[in-house]
């Protein structure tokens, strides 16, 4: 059987999605759920060429069957992944990566002060954040927002200058 791939491709390009689905059934012998036009064209062209020129070798087909495990094939993705469902995540180790200390900040235990609206604002620097009036904050920006009630850059509010 002689196959003119360019002629077949031009014919496929002219077909509607419904016609491509019908052609897919003719070529593969099974229904297709996809309505993606380019996918259908490529799959049909591949099958026509494989039928005309002989697809995979017997050895390759046997190896593919050995590797394929029908249990691993999913038609739909899992609804949600949780640590309890994923054994890899449940046994994973948590590794803490040290974060480079910002040179604008004093060392942990140090204090940052600023006068704001007639009162002294005193913030203690912690290893993992900041403390102001007994409350812990993750960033200076959060402290500045607690003090002023509006969002602003924490380093600018406390006058700590630009990063070097």
Protein backbone atom coordinates (compact mmCIF):
# COMPACT_ATOMS: atom_id res chain seq x y z
CA UNK A 1 0.00 0.00 0.00
CA UNK A 2 1.53 3.28 -1.09
CA UNK A 3 0.72 6.30 1.07
CA UNK A 4 1.16 9.91 0.09
CA UNK A 5 1.63 11.60 3.50
CA UNK A 6 1.43 15.16 2.17
CA UNK A 7 -1.86 14.39 0.41
CA UNK A 8 -3.28 12.76 3.53
CA UNK A 9 -2.13 15.67 5.71
CA UNK A 10 -3.77 18.25 3.46
CA UNK A 11 -6.99 16.21 3.52
CA UNK A 12 -6.86 16.04 7.33
CA UNK A 13 -6.26 19.79 7.55
CA UNK A 14 -9.49 20.42 5.61
CA UNK A 15 -11.65 18.24 7.91
CA UNK A 16 -13.81 19.47 10.77
CA UNK A 17 -13.33 18.16 14.30
CA UNK A 18 -16.32 15.83 13.89
CA UNK A 19 -14.90 14.42 10.66
CA UNK A 20 -11.50 14.00 12.32
CA UNK A 21 -13.12 12.05 15.15
CA UNK A 22 -14.81 9.78 12.59
CA UNK A 23 -11.51 9.29 10.75
CA UNK A 24 -9.84 8.48 14.07
CA UNK A 25 -12.39 5.69 14.65
CA UNK A 26 -11.66 4.33 11.15
CA UNK A 27 -7.90 4.37 11.68
CA UNK A 28 -7.62 3.30 15.34
CA UNK A 29 -10.82 1.25 15.71
CA UNK A 30 -11.84 3.01 18.92
CA UNK A 31 -13.64 6.18 19.99
CA UNK A 32 -11.69 9.28 20.91
CA UNK A 33 -12.77 11.72 23.63
CA UNK A 34 -10.53 14.56 22.50
CA UNK A 35 -11.85 17.43 20.42
CA UNK A 36 -8.41 19.02 20.07
CA UNK A 37 -8.05 19.42 16.32
CA UNK A 38 -4.25 19.45 16.09
CA UNK A 39 -3.96 16.42 18.39
CA UNK A 40 -6.37 14.45 16.22
CA UNK A 41 -4.55 15.38 13.01
CA UNK A 42 -1.17 14.36 14.43
CA UNK A 43 -2.41 11.07 15.88
CA UNK A 44 -4.20 10.07 12.66
CA UNK A 45 -1.19 11.00 10.52
CA UNK A 46 1.11 9.03 12.83
CA UNK A 47 -1.10 5.93 12.65
CA UNK A 48 -1.45 6.14 8.85
CA UNK A 49 2.32 6.40 8.49
CA UNK A 50 2.93 3.58 10.99
CA UNK A 51 0.46 1.33 9.15
CA UNK A 52 2.04 2.11 5.79
CA UNK A 53 5.68 1.84 6.83
CA UNK A 54 5.36 -0.65 9.68
CA UNK A 55 5.20 0.73 13.23
CA UNK A 56 7.36 -0.41 16.12
CA UNK A 57 9.41 -3.58 15.97
CA UNK A 58 8.22 -6.67 17.84
CA UNK A 59 11.08 -6.25 20.29
CA UNK A 60 10.07 -2.64 21.03
CA UNK A 61 6.44 -3.67 21.50
CA UNK A 62 7.41 -6.43 23.95
CA UNK A 63 9.60 -4.04 25.91
CA UNK A 64 6.80 -1.46 26.06
CA UNK A 65 4.44 -4.12 27.43
CA UNK A 66 7.00 -5.05 30.07
CA UNK A 67 7.36 -1.44 31.15
CA UNK A 68 3.67 -0.58 31.04
CA UNK A 69 1.67 -1.11 34.19
CA UNK A 70 -2.05 -0.54 33.74
CA UNK A 71 -2.40 0.29 37.43
CA UNK A 72 -0.17 3.34 36.93
CA UNK A 73 -2.32 4.78 34.15
CA UNK A 74 -4.88 7.31 35.38
CA UNK A 75 -7.71 8.75 33.35
CA UNK A 76 -8.33 11.57 35.80
CA UNK A 77 -5.95 13.28 38.24
CA UNK A 78 -6.39 12.79 41.98
CA UNK A 79 -8.78 15.26 43.55
CA UNK A 80 -6.27 16.55 46.09
CA UNK A 81 -2.86 15.49 47.22
CA UNK A 82 -2.29 15.33 50.96
CA UNK A 83 0.69 14.33 53.02
CA UNK A 84 -1.26 11.36 54.40
CA UNK A 85 -1.93 10.04 50.87
CA UNK A 86 1.58 10.57 49.51
CA UNK A 87 4.10 8.24 51.16
CA UNK A 88 6.99 10.19 49.64
CA UNK A 89 5.87 13.37 51.40
CA UNK A 90 5.13 11.58 54.68
CA UNK A 91 8.69 10.23 54.89
CA UNK A 92 10.40 13.38 53.60
CA UNK A 93 12.89 15.10 55.86
CA UNK A 94 12.58 18.78 56.63
CA UNK A 95 15.84 20.56 55.98
CA UNK A 96 16.26 24.06 57.33
CA UNK A 97 18.25 26.31 55.02
CA UNK A 98 19.94 29.20 56.78
CA UNK A 99 18.83 32.51 55.37
CA UNK A 100 21.44 35.17 54.82
CA UNK A 101 21.09 37.87 57.47
CA UNK A 102 20.18 41.30 56.18
CA UNK A 103 23.13 43.62 56.84
CA UNK A 104 20.77 46.48 57.69
CA UNK A 105 19.53 44.70 60.82
CA UNK A 106 21.26 44.45 64.17
CA UNK A 107 22.04 40.93 65.43
CA UNK A 108 19.31 38.93 67.22
CA UNK A 109 18.70 40.44 70.65
CA UNK A 110 19.43 43.94 69.35
CA UNK A 111 16.83 46.68 69.31
CA UNK A 112 15.55 49.15 66.75
CA UNK A 113 14.05 52.42 67.98
CA UNK A 114 12.11 55.20 66.34
CA UNK A 115 10.14 58.16 67.56
CA UNK A 116 6.65 58.23 66.03
CA UNK A 117 3.85 60.68 66.89
CA UNK A 118 5.40 61.60 70.24
CA UNK A 119 6.15 58.07 71.45
CA UNK A 120 9.19 55.80 71.24
CA UNK A 121 8.73 52.64 69.20
CA UNK A 122 11.02 49.87 70.48
CA UNK A 123 11.39 46.67 68.40
CA UNK A 124 13.53 43.71 69.47
CA UNK A 125 15.22 41.73 66.70
CA UNK A 126 14.75 37.96 67.05
CA UNK A 127 16.44 35.14 65.13
CA UNK A 128 13.20 34.43 63.27
CA UNK A 129 11.40 37.77 63.30
CA UNK A 130 10.71 40.81 65.45
CA UNK A 131 8.96 41.58 68.73
CA UNK A 132 6.95 44.72 69.42
CA UNK A 133 4.81 45.23 72.56
CA UNK A 134 4.96 41.50 73.35
CA UNK A 135 3.74 40.48 69.87
CA UNK A 136 5.91 38.58 67.39
CA UNK A 137 6.06 39.70 63.75
CA UNK A 138 7.72 38.05 60.75
CA UNK A 139 8.88 41.30 59.14
CA UNK A 140 9.60 44.92 59.87
CA UNK A 141 6.87 45.82 57.41
CA UNK A 142 4.35 43.99 59.62
CA UNK A 143 5.61 45.95 62.64
CA UNK A 144 5.35 49.25 60.73
CA UNK A 145 1.78 48.37 59.75
CA UNK A 146 0.89 47.56 63.38
CA UNK A 147 2.32 50.92 64.49
CA UNK A 148 0.86 53.16 61.76
CA UNK A 149 -2.23 51.22 60.67
CA UNK A 150 -1.23 51.43 57.02
CA UNK A 151 1.14 49.51 54.79
CA UNK A 152 4.65 50.88 54.38
CA UNK A 153 8.17 49.56 53.96
CA UNK A 154 9.54 48.55 57.37
CA UNK A 155 13.16 49.40 56.61
CA UNK A 156 12.16 52.85 55.39
CA UNK A 157 9.84 53.43 58.39
CA UNK A 158 12.64 52.63 60.84
CA UNK A 159 15.25 54.51 58.77
CA UNK A 160 17.54 51.53 58.23
CA UNK A 161 18.68 52.61 54.77
CA UNK A 162 19.14 50.81 51.49
CA UNK A 163 20.56 47.29 51.09
CA UNK A 164 24.22 47.12 50.17
